[in-house]
Amino acid sequence: MPTYDYKCLECNHNFETFQSMKDEHLTECPECGGKVKRLIGAGSGPIFKGTGFYQTDYKNSPPAKKATPAPAKVEKTTTTKTEK
């Protein structure tokens, strides 16, 4: 059952109440009996249960690039002749 926020237009009293979505809006302030206005709420955020929630869990990753072979590394070696 959702929670709705209300504000009294006469005494500025803010309150919240649990109501079914099918129920009529409240019209009277519980403090002074004045007219109330239902406020628009942001709602609740997502609730993560369990482990393993990562940034990559909910979207497709970009296709992997093909690996290009690295150029061969040429090593210069020096040889010395030894005389007998």
N, C-alpha and C. Protein backbone atom coordinates (compact mmCIF):
# COMPACT_ATOMS: atom_id res chain seq x y z
N MET A 1 0.85 -1.16 0.00
CA MET A 1 0.00 0.00 0.00
C MET A 1 0.91 1.24 0.00
N PRO A 2 0.66 2.19 -0.91
CA PRO A 2 1.53 3.36 -1.02
C PRO A 2 1.32 4.38 0.09
N THR A 3 2.34 5.18 0.30
CA THR A 3 2.29 6.28 1.25
C THR A 3 2.10 7.57 0.47
N TYR A 4 1.15 8.39 0.90
CA TYR A 4 0.90 9.67 0.26
C TYR A 4 1.18 10.80 1.24
N ASP A 5 1.78 11.87 0.73
CA ASP A 5 2.08 13.06 1.53
C ASP A 5 1.01 14.11 1.26
N TYR A 6 0.61 14.77 2.34
CA TYR A 6 -0.38 15.84 2.25
C TYR A 6 0.14 17.07 2.98
N LYS A 7 -0.38 18.24 2.56
CA LYS A 7 -0.03 19.49 3.23
C LYS A 7 -1.30 20.31 3.41
N CYS A 8 -1.49 20.81 4.61
CA CYS A 8 -2.65 21.64 4.90
C CYS A 8 -2.42 23.03 4.29
N LEU A 9 -3.44 23.55 3.61
CA LEU A 9 -3.33 24.86 2.98
C LEU A 9 -3.54 26.00 3.97
N GLU A 10 -4.04 25.68 5.18
CA GLU A 10 -4.30 26.72 6.17
C GLU A 10 -3.22 26.81 7.24
N CYS A 11 -2.85 25.67 7.82
CA CYS A 11 -1.86 25.70 8.91
C CYS A 11 -0.49 25.17 8.49
N ASN A 12 -0.32 24.79 7.22
CA ASN A 12 0.94 24.27 6.67
C ASN A 12 1.44 23.00 7.34
N HIS A 13 0.53 22.25 7.94
CA HIS A 13 0.89 20.98 8.58
C HIS A 13 1.14 19.93 7.49
N ASN A 14 2.31 19.30 7.52
CA ASN A 14 2.64 18.22 6.59
C ASN A 14 2.44 16.88 7.28
N PHE A 15 1.82 15.93 6.58
CA PHE A 15 1.64 14.59 7.14
C PHE A 15 1.58 13.59 6.00
N GLU A 16 1.76 12.34 6.35
CA GLU A 16 1.68 11.27 5.35
C GLU A 16 0.72 10.20 5.86
N THR A 17 0.15 9.48 4.92
CA THR A 17 -0.80 8.44 5.28
C THR A 17 -0.71 7.29 4.29
N PHE A 18 -0.98 6.08 4.78
CA PHE A 18 -1.04 4.90 3.92
C PHE A 18 -2.45 4.81 3.37
N GLN A 19 -2.55 4.74 2.04
CA GLN A 19 -3.85 4.64 1.40
C GLN A 19 -3.75 3.70 0.22
N SER A 20 -4.86 3.07 -0.08
CA SER A 20 -4.93 2.28 -1.29
C SER A 20 -4.99 3.24 -2.47
N MET A 21 -4.57 2.79 -3.63
CA MET A 21 -4.62 3.63 -4.81
C MET A 21 -6.06 3.93 -5.21
N LYS A 22 -6.99 3.09 -4.77
CA LYS A 22 -8.41 3.27 -5.12
C LYS A 22 -9.13 4.22 -4.17
N ASP A 23 -8.52 4.51 -3.01
CA ASP A 23 -9.17 5.38 -2.02
C ASP A 23 -9.25 6.82 -2.54
N GLU A 24 -10.25 7.54 -2.05
CA GLU A 24 -10.39 8.97 -2.36
C GLU A 24 -9.28 9.74 -1.64
N HIS A 25 -8.91 10.89 -2.20
CA HIS A 25 -7.92 11.75 -1.56
C HIS A 25 -8.50 12.31 -0.26
N LEU A 26 -7.62 12.55 0.71
CA LEU A 26 -8.07 13.19 1.95
C LEU A 26 -8.41 14.64 1.66
N THR A 27 -9.35 15.19 2.41
CA THR A 27 -9.76 16.58 2.18
C THR A 27 -9.60 17.46 3.42
N GLU A 28 -9.46 16.83 4.62
CA GLU A 28 -9.37 17.62 5.85
C GLU A 28 -8.06 17.36 6.58
N CYS A 29 -7.53 18.42 7.14
CA CYS A 29 -6.31 18.34 7.95
C CYS A 29 -6.65 17.72 9.30
N PRO A 30 -5.85 16.76 9.77
CA PRO A 30 -6.12 16.16 11.08
C PRO A 30 -5.85 17.13 12.24
N GLU A 31 -5.10 18.19 12.00
CA GLU A 31 -4.76 19.15 13.06
C GLU A 31 -5.83 20.23 13.21
N CYS A 32 -6.16 20.90 12.07
CA CYS A 32 -7.06 22.05 12.17
C CYS A 32 -8.37 21.87 11.42
N GLY A 33 -8.50 20.82 10.62
CA GLY A 33 -9.72 20.59 9.86
C GLY A 33 -9.78 21.37 8.55
N GLY A 34 -8.67 22.06 8.19
CA GLY A 34 -8.64 22.85 6.95
C GLY A 34 -8.46 21.96 5.73
N LYS A 35 -8.50 22.58 4.56
CA LYS A 35 -8.33 21.85 3.30
C LYS A 35 -6.87 21.41 3.15
N VAL A 36 -6.70 20.22 2.56
CA VAL A 36 -5.35 19.70 2.33
C VAL A 36 -5.13 19.46 0.84
N LYS A 37 -3.88 19.44 0.49
CA LYS A 37 -3.48 19.19 -0.88
C LYS A 37 -2.52 18.00 -0.87
N ARG A 38 -2.75 17.05 -1.78
CA ARG A 38 -1.85 15.91 -1.87
C ARG A 38 -0.61 16.33 -2.65
N LEU A 39 0.55 16.02 -2.10
CA LEU A 39 1.81 16.40 -2.72
C LEU A 39 2.29 15.30 -3.65
N ILE A 40 3.02 15.70 -4.65
CA ILE A 40 3.60 14.74 -5.59
C ILE A 40 4.95 14.31 -5.03
N GLY A 41 5.12 13.01 -4.85
CA GLY A 41 6.36 12.49 -4.31
C GLY A 41 7.21 11.88 -5.40
N ALA A 42 8.48 11.70 -5.09
CA ALA A 42 9.41 11.12 -6.05
C ALA A 42 9.31 9.61 -6.09
N GLY A 43 8.64 9.03 -5.11
CA GLY A 43 8.57 7.57 -5.07
C GLY A 43 9.84 7.00 -4.46
N SER A 44 9.89 5.71 -4.38
CA SER A 44 11.07 5.09 -3.80
C SER A 44 12.03 4.70 -4.91
N GLY A 45 13.29 4.63 -4.57
CA GLY A 45 14.30 4.21 -5.53
C GLY A 45 14.33 2.71 -5.65
N PRO A 46 15.17 2.21 -6.52
CA PRO A 46 15.26 0.75 -6.68
C PRO A 46 15.83 0.10 -5.42
N ILE A 47 15.38 -1.10 -5.16
CA ILE A 47 15.86 -1.85 -4.01
C ILE A 47 16.65 -3.03 -4.53
N PHE A 48 17.93 -3.07 -4.19
CA PHE A 48 18.78 -4.15 -4.63
C PHE A 48 18.88 -5.19 -3.53
N LYS A 49 18.52 -6.42 -3.85
CA LYS A 49 18.62 -7.50 -2.88
C LYS A 49 19.62 -8.51 -3.39
N GLY A 50 20.47 -8.97 -2.52
CA GLY A 50 21.45 -9.96 -2.93
C GLY A 50 22.79 -9.32 -3.26
N THR A 51 23.67 -10.14 -3.78
CA THR A 51 25.00 -9.65 -4.12
C THR A 51 25.18 -9.67 -5.62
N GLY A 52 26.20 -8.99 -6.08
CA GLY A 52 26.56 -9.04 -7.49
C GLY A 52 25.91 -7.99 -8.35
N PHE A 53 25.60 -6.82 -7.81
CA PHE A 53 25.04 -5.76 -8.63
C PHE A 53 26.19 -4.88 -9.10
N TYR A 54 26.47 -5.00 -10.35
CA TYR A 54 27.57 -4.25 -10.94
C TYR A 54 27.03 -3.39 -12.06
N GLN A 55 27.80 -2.41 -12.48
CA GLN A 55 27.39 -1.50 -13.54
C GLN A 55 27.12 -2.25 -14.84
N THR A 56 27.83 -3.33 -15.07
CA THR A 56 27.69 -4.05 -16.34
C THR A 56 26.56 -5.08 -16.32
N ASP A 57 25.87 -5.25 -15.22
CA ASP A 57 24.81 -6.25 -15.15
C ASP A 57 23.58 -5.90 -15.98
N TYR A 58 23.35 -4.63 -16.24
CA TYR A 58 22.09 -4.23 -16.84
C TYR A 58 22.21 -3.60 -18.21
N LYS A 59 23.37 -3.64 -18.80
CA LYS A 59 23.49 -3.09 -20.14
C LYS A 59 24.46 -3.94 -20.95
N ASN A 60 24.32 -3.84 -22.24
CA ASN A 60 25.21 -4.59 -23.10
C ASN A 60 26.55 -3.87 -23.19
N SER A 61 27.59 -4.65 -23.14
CA SER A 61 28.91 -4.04 -23.27
C SER A 61 29.22 -3.87 -24.74
N PRO A 62 30.06 -2.91 -25.10
CA PRO A 62 30.41 -2.71 -26.49
C PRO A 62 31.15 -3.94 -27.02
N PRO A 63 31.01 -4.21 -28.33
CA PRO A 63 31.70 -5.39 -28.87
C PRO A 63 33.21 -5.26 -28.70
N ALA A 64 33.83 -6.37 -28.44
CA ALA A 64 35.27 -6.38 -28.21
C ALA A 64 35.99 -6.11 -29.53
N LYS A 65 37.05 -5.32 -29.45
CA LYS A 65 37.84 -5.03 -30.64
C LYS A 65 38.73 -6.23 -30.95
N LYS A 66 38.93 -6.44 -32.24
CA LYS A 66 39.81 -7.54 -32.63
C LYS A 66 41.24 -7.16 -32.26
N ALA A 67 41.93 -8.11 -31.70
CA ALA A 67 43.31 -7.85 -31.29
C ALA A 67 44.20 -7.87 -32.53
N THR A 68 45.00 -6.85 -32.65
CA THR A 68 45.97 -6.82 -33.75
C THR A 68 47.30 -7.29 -33.19
N PRO A 69 47.98 -8.13 -33.97
CA PRO A 69 49.25 -8.62 -33.45
C PRO A 69 50.26 -7.49 -33.32
N ALA A 70 51.00 -7.55 -32.26
CA ALA A 70 52.02 -6.54 -32.01
C ALA A 70 53.18 -6.78 -32.97
N PRO A 71 53.82 -5.71 -33.42
CA PRO A 71 54.97 -5.92 -34.32
C PRO A 71 56.07 -6.70 -33.60
N ALA A 72 56.72 -7.55 -34.38
CA ALA A 72 57.78 -8.38 -33.79
C ALA A 72 58.94 -7.49 -33.38
N LYS A 73 59.47 -7.78 -32.26
CA LYS A 73 60.58 -6.99 -31.75
C LYS A 73 61.88 -7.67 -32.19
N VAL A 74 62.65 -6.90 -32.87
CA VAL A 74 63.92 -7.44 -33.37
C VAL A 74 65.01 -7.00 -32.43
N GLU A 75 65.73 -7.99 -31.96
CA GLU A 75 66.83 -7.69 -31.06
C GLU A 75 68.13 -7.79 -31.83
N LYS A 76 68.98 -6.83 -31.69
CA LYS A 76 70.28 -6.89 -32.33
C LYS A 76 71.25 -7.57 -31.38
N THR A 77 71.93 -8.50 -31.91
CA THR A 77 72.94 -9.18 -31.08
C THR A 77 74.31 -8.94 -31.72
N THR A 78 75.24 -8.81 -30.90
CA THR A 78 76.59 -8.61 -31.40
C THR A 78 77.40 -9.85 -31.08
N THR A 79 78.11 -10.27 -32.07
CA THR A 79 78.97 -11.42 -31.84
C THR A 79 80.40 -11.00 -32.00
N THR A 80 81.21 -11.54 -31.22
CA THR A 80 82.63 -11.25 -31.31
C THR A 80 83.38 -12.51 -31.64
N LYS A 81 84.32 -12.37 -32.54
CA LYS A 81 85.14 -13.52 -32.88
C LYS A 81 86.29 -13.59 -31.91
N THR A 82 86.56 -14.72 -31.49
CA THR A 82 87.69 -14.90 -30.60
C THR A 82 88.80 -15.59 -31.39
N GLU A 83 89.97 -15.12 -31.25
CA GLU A 83 91.11 -15.72 -31.96
C GLU A 83 91.71 -16.78 -31.09
N LYS A 84 92.23 -17.81 -31.79
CA LYS A 84 92.88 -18.89 -31.08
C LYS A 84 94.34 -18.76 -31.08
